[in-house]
């Protein structure tokens, strides 16, 4: 139950509007860790894995992870396009007049991108 509550809290944080890139990356990192713990719990209980409701939950979680990855990719593509346009004429004139700042990409540390080590979660 606690693991599922952690997943729901992390999901809410990851989907919250108005976060900066650093906050978004931290929220998504928490979600990834919580999902890893949820999958580890499911591996420990085969009867839970066979439950139709839990299977549906895993499918929804997978869809959520795909949606987050798509949005992250879209954001980074948009930031790259913004930076290119800031350098081109006549956009660079407008940028200099109104002082449009550069934007940060959503970047994650290698540890946050790594697959969850399920064996390490069960070691005493």
N, C-alpha and C. Protein backbone atom coordinates (compact mmCIF):
# COMPACT_ATOMS: atom_id res chain seq x y z
N UNK A 1 0.82 -1.19 0.00
CA UNK A 1 0.00 0.00 0.00
C UNK A 1 0.87 1.26 0.00
N UNK A 2 1.90 1.24 0.84
CA UNK A 2 2.79 2.40 0.91
C UNK A 2 3.49 2.66 -0.40
N UNK A 3 3.88 1.59 -1.08
CA UNK A 3 4.55 1.74 -2.37
C UNK A 3 3.62 2.37 -3.39
N UNK A 4 2.37 1.93 -3.41
CA UNK A 4 1.40 2.50 -4.35
C UNK A 4 1.12 3.96 -4.03
N UNK A 5 1.06 4.30 -2.76
CA UNK A 5 0.87 5.70 -2.37
C UNK A 5 2.05 6.55 -2.82
N UNK A 6 3.27 6.01 -2.70
CA UNK A 6 4.45 6.73 -3.16
C UNK A 6 4.39 6.98 -4.67
N UNK A 7 3.92 5.98 -5.41
CA UNK A 7 3.79 6.13 -6.87
C UNK A 7 2.78 7.23 -7.19
N UNK A 8 1.66 7.24 -6.48
CA UNK A 8 0.63 8.25 -6.75
C UNK A 8 1.12 9.66 -6.41
N UNK A 9 1.85 9.81 -5.30
CA UNK A 9 2.40 11.12 -4.94
C UNK A 9 3.43 11.57 -5.97
N UNK A 10 4.29 10.66 -6.37
CA UNK A 10 5.32 10.99 -7.36
C UNK A 10 4.70 11.34 -8.70
N UNK A 11 3.65 10.64 -9.07
CA UNK A 11 2.95 10.94 -10.33
C UNK A 11 2.35 12.32 -10.28
N UNK A 12 1.72 12.68 -9.17
CA UNK A 12 1.13 14.01 -9.02
C UNK A 12 2.19 15.09 -9.13
N UNK A 13 3.33 14.85 -8.50
CA UNK A 13 4.42 15.83 -8.55
C UNK A 13 4.96 15.96 -9.97
N UNK A 14 5.08 14.84 -10.69
CA UNK A 14 5.62 14.87 -12.05
C UNK A 14 4.67 15.55 -13.03
N UNK A 15 3.38 15.46 -12.77
CA UNK A 15 2.40 16.03 -13.69
C UNK A 15 1.98 17.45 -13.30
N UNK A 16 2.52 17.98 -12.20
CA UNK A 16 2.15 19.31 -11.72
C UNK A 16 2.62 20.37 -12.72
N UNK A 17 1.76 21.34 -13.03
CA UNK A 17 2.15 22.39 -13.97
C UNK A 17 3.04 23.44 -13.30
N UNK A 18 3.73 24.21 -14.12
CA UNK A 18 4.49 25.34 -13.63
C UNK A 18 5.83 25.02 -13.02
N UNK A 19 6.37 23.85 -13.27
CA UNK A 19 7.67 23.50 -12.72
C UNK A 19 8.76 23.90 -13.71
N UNK A 20 9.90 24.28 -13.16
CA UNK A 20 11.07 24.54 -14.00
C UNK A 20 11.69 23.23 -14.42
N UNK A 21 12.63 23.28 -15.35
CA UNK A 21 13.26 22.04 -15.82
C UNK A 21 13.93 21.23 -14.70
N UNK A 22 14.58 21.89 -13.76
CA UNK A 22 15.25 21.16 -12.68
C UNK A 22 14.23 20.49 -11.78
N UNK A 23 13.14 21.19 -11.46
CA UNK A 23 12.09 20.61 -10.62
C UNK A 23 11.42 19.45 -11.35
N UNK A 24 11.18 19.61 -12.64
CA UNK A 24 10.54 18.56 -13.42
C UNK A 24 11.41 17.31 -13.45
N UNK A 25 12.71 17.52 -13.64
CA UNK A 25 13.63 16.38 -13.68
C UNK A 25 13.64 15.65 -12.33
N UNK A 26 13.63 16.41 -11.24
CA UNK A 26 13.62 15.79 -9.91
C UNK A 26 12.32 15.02 -9.68
N UNK A 27 11.19 15.61 -10.10
CA UNK A 27 9.89 14.95 -9.93
C UNK A 27 9.82 13.65 -10.73
N UNK A 28 10.32 13.69 -11.96
CA UNK A 28 10.30 12.50 -12.79
C UNK A 28 11.27 11.44 -12.27
N UNK A 29 12.37 11.87 -11.67
CA UNK A 29 13.29 10.91 -11.06
C UNK A 29 12.64 10.19 -9.88
N UNK A 30 11.88 10.94 -9.07
CA UNK A 30 11.16 10.33 -7.95
C UNK A 30 10.12 9.33 -8.47
N UNK A 31 9.45 9.69 -9.56
CA UNK A 31 8.44 8.79 -10.14
C UNK A 31 9.09 7.51 -10.64
N UNK A 32 10.21 7.62 -11.29
CA UNK A 32 10.92 6.45 -11.80
C UNK A 32 11.33 5.51 -10.65
N UNK A 33 11.82 6.09 -9.57
CA UNK A 33 12.22 5.27 -8.42
C UNK A 33 11.01 4.59 -7.79
N UNK A 34 9.91 5.32 -7.65
CA UNK A 34 8.70 4.75 -7.05
C UNK A 34 8.16 3.62 -7.92
N UNK A 35 8.19 3.81 -9.24
CA UNK A 35 7.71 2.76 -10.14
C UNK A 35 8.61 1.53 -10.06
N UNK A 36 9.90 1.74 -9.90
CA UNK A 36 10.82 0.62 -9.75
C UNK A 36 10.51 -0.19 -8.49
N UNK A 37 10.20 0.51 -7.40
CA UNK A 37 9.82 -0.20 -6.17
C UNK A 37 8.52 -0.96 -6.35
N UNK A 38 7.56 -0.37 -7.07
CA UNK A 38 6.28 -1.03 -7.31
C UNK A 38 6.48 -2.31 -8.12
N UNK A 39 7.30 -2.26 -9.13
CA UNK A 39 7.56 -3.44 -9.95
C UNK A 39 8.30 -4.49 -9.13
N UNK A 40 9.19 -4.06 -8.25
CA UNK A 40 9.91 -5.00 -7.38
C UNK A 40 8.94 -5.72 -6.45
N UNK A 41 7.96 -5.00 -5.92
CA UNK A 41 6.95 -5.62 -5.05
C UNK A 41 6.15 -6.63 -5.86
N UNK A 42 5.80 -6.28 -7.08
CA UNK A 42 5.03 -7.20 -7.93
C UNK A 42 5.81 -8.47 -8.23
N UNK A 43 7.12 -8.35 -8.41
CA UNK A 43 7.94 -9.53 -8.67
C UNK A 43 7.96 -10.47 -7.46
N UNK A 44 7.84 -9.90 -6.27
CA UNK A 44 7.88 -10.71 -5.06
C UNK A 44 6.57 -11.46 -4.81
N UNK A 45 5.48 -11.01 -5.42
CA UNK A 45 4.17 -11.62 -5.21
C UNK A 45 3.58 -12.06 -6.54
N UNK A 46 3.82 -13.31 -6.96
CA UNK A 46 3.32 -13.79 -8.26
C UNK A 46 1.80 -13.71 -8.39
N UNK A 47 1.07 -13.92 -7.27
CA UNK A 47 -0.39 -13.84 -7.36
C UNK A 47 -0.86 -12.41 -7.65
N UNK A 48 -0.08 -11.42 -7.21
CA UNK A 48 -0.40 -10.03 -7.52
C UNK A 48 -0.16 -9.77 -9.00
N UNK A 49 0.89 -10.34 -9.53
CA UNK A 49 1.24 -10.17 -10.94
C UNK A 49 0.14 -10.75 -11.84
N UNK A 50 -0.53 -11.80 -11.38
CA UNK A 50 -1.56 -12.46 -12.17
C UNK A 50 -2.91 -11.74 -12.08
N UNK A 51 -3.06 -10.83 -11.13
CA UNK A 51 -4.32 -10.12 -10.93
C UNK A 51 -4.58 -9.17 -12.10
N UNK A 52 -5.80 -9.21 -12.61
CA UNK A 52 -6.16 -8.39 -13.78
C UNK A 52 -6.08 -6.90 -13.47
N UNK A 53 -6.48 -6.51 -12.27
CA UNK A 53 -6.43 -5.09 -11.90
C UNK A 53 -4.99 -4.60 -11.86
N UNK A 54 -4.10 -5.44 -11.31
CA UNK A 54 -2.71 -5.03 -11.23
C UNK A 54 -2.08 -4.98 -12.63
N UNK A 55 -2.44 -5.91 -13.47
CA UNK A 55 -1.95 -5.89 -14.85
C UNK A 55 -2.40 -4.63 -15.57
N UNK A 56 -3.66 -4.25 -15.33
CA UNK A 56 -4.17 -3.01 -15.91
C UNK A 56 -3.38 -1.81 -15.37
N UNK A 57 -3.08 -1.82 -14.07
CA UNK A 57 -2.29 -0.74 -13.47
C UNK A 57 -0.91 -0.65 -14.12
N UNK A 58 -0.25 -1.78 -14.31
CA UNK A 58 1.06 -1.77 -14.95
C UNK A 58 0.99 -1.23 -16.38
N UNK A 59 -0.08 -1.58 -17.10
CA UNK A 59 -0.26 -1.04 -18.45
C UNK A 59 -0.42 0.47 -18.42
N UNK A 60 -1.19 0.95 -17.45
CA UNK A 60 -1.39 2.41 -17.32
C UNK A 60 -0.08 3.10 -16.96
N UNK A 61 0.68 2.48 -16.07
CA UNK A 61 1.97 3.06 -15.68
C UNK A 61 2.91 3.12 -16.88
N UNK A 62 2.93 2.08 -17.66
CA UNK A 62 3.76 2.05 -18.86
C UNK A 62 3.35 3.17 -19.82
N UNK A 63 2.04 3.35 -19.97
CA UNK A 63 1.54 4.43 -20.82
C UNK A 63 1.94 5.80 -20.29
N UNK A 64 1.91 5.95 -18.97
CA UNK A 64 2.31 7.20 -18.34
C UNK A 64 3.79 7.48 -18.57
N UNK A 65 4.62 6.47 -18.41
CA UNK A 65 6.05 6.64 -18.65
C UNK A 65 6.31 7.05 -20.10
N UNK A 66 5.59 6.44 -21.05
CA UNK A 66 5.75 6.80 -22.45
C UNK A 66 5.32 8.25 -22.70
N UNK A 67 4.21 8.66 -22.07
CA UNK A 67 3.72 10.03 -22.24
C UNK A 67 4.73 11.04 -21.68
N UNK A 68 5.30 10.74 -20.53
CA UNK A 68 6.30 11.63 -19.93
C UNK A 68 7.53 11.73 -20.83
N UNK A 69 7.98 10.60 -21.36
CA UNK A 69 9.14 10.60 -22.25
C UNK A 69 8.84 11.42 -23.51
N UNK A 70 7.64 11.28 -24.06
CA UNK A 70 7.26 12.05 -25.25
C UNK A 70 7.24 13.55 -24.95
N UNK A 71 6.69 13.91 -23.81
CA UNK A 71 6.64 15.34 -23.44
C UNK A 71 8.03 15.89 -23.19
N UNK A 72 8.90 15.10 -22.57
CA UNK A 72 10.27 15.54 -22.34
C UNK A 72 10.98 15.78 -23.67
N UNK A 73 10.80 14.85 -24.60
CA UNK A 73 11.41 15.00 -25.91
C UNK A 73 10.87 16.22 -26.65
N UNK A 74 9.55 16.44 -26.58
CA UNK A 74 8.94 17.61 -27.21
C UNK A 74 9.49 18.90 -26.61
N UNK A 75 9.61 18.94 -25.27
CA UNK A 75 10.14 20.13 -24.60
C UNK A 75 11.56 20.41 -25.07
N UNK A 76 12.42 19.39 -25.08
CA UNK A 76 13.81 19.60 -25.48
C UNK A 76 13.91 20.02 -26.94
N UNK A 77 13.08 19.46 -27.81
CA UNK A 77 13.06 19.89 -29.21
C UNK A 77 12.63 21.35 -29.33
N UNK A 78 11.65 21.74 -28.54
CA UNK A 78 11.17 23.13 -28.56
C UNK A 78 12.25 24.10 -28.07
N UNK A 79 12.97 23.70 -27.02
CA UNK A 79 14.05 24.55 -26.51
C UNK A 79 15.16 24.67 -27.54
N UNK A 80 15.50 23.58 -28.21
CA UNK A 80 16.53 23.64 -29.25
C UNK A 80 16.11 24.56 -30.39
N UNK A 81 14.86 24.45 -30.82
CA UNK A 81 14.35 25.32 -31.87
C UNK A 81 14.37 26.78 -31.42
N UNK A 82 14.00 27.04 -30.18
CA UNK A 82 14.02 28.39 -29.63
C UNK A 82 15.44 28.96 -29.67
N UNK A 83 16.44 28.14 -29.29
CA UNK A 83 17.82 28.62 -29.29
C UNK A 83 18.31 28.90 -30.71
N UNK A 84 17.92 28.08 -31.65
CA UNK A 84 18.30 28.32 -33.05
C UNK A 84 17.68 29.62 -33.55
N UNK A 85 16.40 29.81 -33.23
CA UNK A 85 15.73 31.03 -33.69
C UNK A 85 16.29 32.29 -33.03
N UNK A 86 16.79 32.17 -31.80
CA UNK A 86 17.39 33.32 -31.13
C UNK A 86 18.63 33.81 -31.88
N UNK A 87 19.29 32.93 -32.62
CA UNK A 87 20.53 33.28 -33.31
C UNK A 87 20.32 33.76 -34.75
N UNK A 88 19.16 33.52 -35.32
CA UNK A 88 18.92 33.87 -36.72
C UNK A 88 18.37 35.28 -36.88
N UNK A 89 18.71 35.87 -38.01
CA UNK A 89 18.13 37.16 -38.37
C UNK A 89 16.78 36.89 -39.00
N UNK A 90 15.75 37.59 -38.75
CA UNK A 90 15.57 38.80 -37.95
C UNK A 90 15.19 38.52 -36.50
N UNK A 91 15.08 37.25 -36.13
CA UNK A 91 14.69 36.93 -34.76
C UNK A 91 15.70 37.44 -33.74
N UNK A 92 16.99 37.44 -34.10
CA UNK A 92 18.00 37.90 -33.15
C UNK A 92 17.84 39.38 -32.81
N UNK A 93 17.28 40.16 -33.72
CA UNK A 93 17.02 41.57 -33.44
C UNK A 93 15.93 41.70 -32.38
N UNK A 94 14.88 40.93 -32.53
CA UNK A 94 13.79 40.95 -31.55
C UNK A 94 14.30 40.45 -30.19
N UNK A 95 15.13 39.41 -30.21
CA UNK A 95 15.68 38.86 -28.97
C UNK A 95 16.50 39.92 -28.25
N UNK A 96 17.32 40.66 -29.00
CA UNK A 96 18.15 41.68 -28.36
C UNK A 96 17.31 42.86 -27.86
N UNK A 97 16.23 43.17 -28.54
CA UNK A 97 15.37 44.27 -28.10
C UNK A 97 14.61 43.93 -26.82
N UNK A 98 14.12 42.71 -26.72
CA UNK A 98 13.28 42.33 -25.59
C UNK A 98 13.99 41.41 -24.58
N UNK A 99 15.25 41.12 -24.83
CA UNK A 99 16.07 40.33 -23.91
C UNK A 99 15.43 38.99 -23.54
N UNK A 100 15.12 38.19 -24.56
CA UNK A 100 14.61 36.84 -24.31
C UNK A 100 15.75 35.97 -23.81
N UNK A 101 15.61 35.38 -22.63
CA UNK A 101 16.72 34.59 -22.07
C UNK A 101 16.78 33.19 -22.69
N UNK A 102 17.97 32.57 -22.64
CA UNK A 102 18.05 31.17 -23.07
C UNK A 102 17.31 30.28 -22.08
N UNK A 103 16.88 29.13 -22.54
CA UNK A 103 16.14 28.18 -21.70
C UNK A 103 16.99 26.94 -21.47
N UNK A 104 16.73 26.29 -20.36
CA UNK A 104 17.49 25.07 -20.01
C UNK A 104 16.78 23.84 -20.55
N UNK A 105 17.58 22.88 -21.01
CA UNK A 105 17.04 21.60 -21.44
C UNK A 105 16.73 20.74 -20.22
N UNK A 106 15.82 19.80 -20.40
CA UNK A 106 15.56 18.80 -19.36
C UNK A 106 16.64 17.74 -19.50
N UNK A 107 17.54 17.69 -18.54
CA UNK A 107 18.62 16.72 -18.57
C UNK A 107 18.59 15.91 -17.29
N UNK A 108 19.01 14.65 -17.41
CA UNK A 108 19.00 13.75 -16.27
C UNK A 108 20.37 13.13 -16.11
N UNK A 109 20.73 12.89 -14.87
CA UNK A 109 22.01 12.23 -14.58
C UNK A 109 21.94 10.79 -15.06
N UNK A 110 23.10 10.21 -15.28
CA UNK A 110 23.15 8.82 -15.75
C UNK A 110 22.47 7.88 -14.77
N UNK A 111 22.59 8.17 -13.47
CA UNK A 111 21.96 7.31 -12.46
C UNK A 111 20.44 7.34 -12.57
N UNK A 112 19.88 8.49 -12.95
CA UNK A 112 18.43 8.60 -13.08
C UNK A 112 17.92 7.91 -14.34
N UNK A 113 18.79 7.77 -15.35
CA UNK A 113 18.39 7.12 -16.60
C UNK A 113 18.57 5.61 -16.55
N UNK A 114 19.36 5.13 -15.60
CA UNK A 114 19.68 3.71 -15.53
C UNK A 114 18.45 2.89 -15.16
N UNK A 115 18.44 1.64 -15.63
CA UNK A 115 17.37 0.72 -15.26
C UNK A 115 17.44 0.42 -13.77
N UNK A 116 16.31 0.13 -13.20
CA UNK A 116 16.24 -0.20 -11.78
C UNK A 116 16.81 -1.59 -11.57
N UNK A 117 17.71 -1.73 -10.59
CA UNK A 117 18.31 -3.02 -10.25
C UNK A 117 17.43 -3.70 -9.23
N UNK A 118 16.58 -4.60 -9.70
CA UNK A 118 15.62 -5.27 -8.82
C UNK A 118 16.32 -6.16 -7.79
N UNK A 119 17.42 -6.78 -8.15
CA UNK A 119 18.14 -7.64 -7.21
C UNK A 119 18.64 -6.83 -6.02
N UNK A 120 19.11 -5.62 -6.28
CA UNK A 120 19.62 -4.79 -5.19
C UNK A 120 18.51 -4.37 -4.23
N UNK A 121 17.30 -4.27 -4.72
CA UNK A 121 16.19 -3.88 -3.84
C UNK A 121 15.84 -4.98 -2.84
N UNK A 122 16.16 -6.24 -3.17
CA UNK A 122 15.79 -7.35 -2.30
C UNK A 122 16.95 -7.87 -1.46
N UNK A 123 18.11 -7.32 -1.62
CA UNK A 123 19.26 -7.77 -0.82
C UNK A 123 19.13 -7.22 0.60
N UNK A 124 19.45 -8.05 1.59
CA UNK A 124 19.38 -7.58 2.98
C UNK A 124 20.49 -6.61 3.32
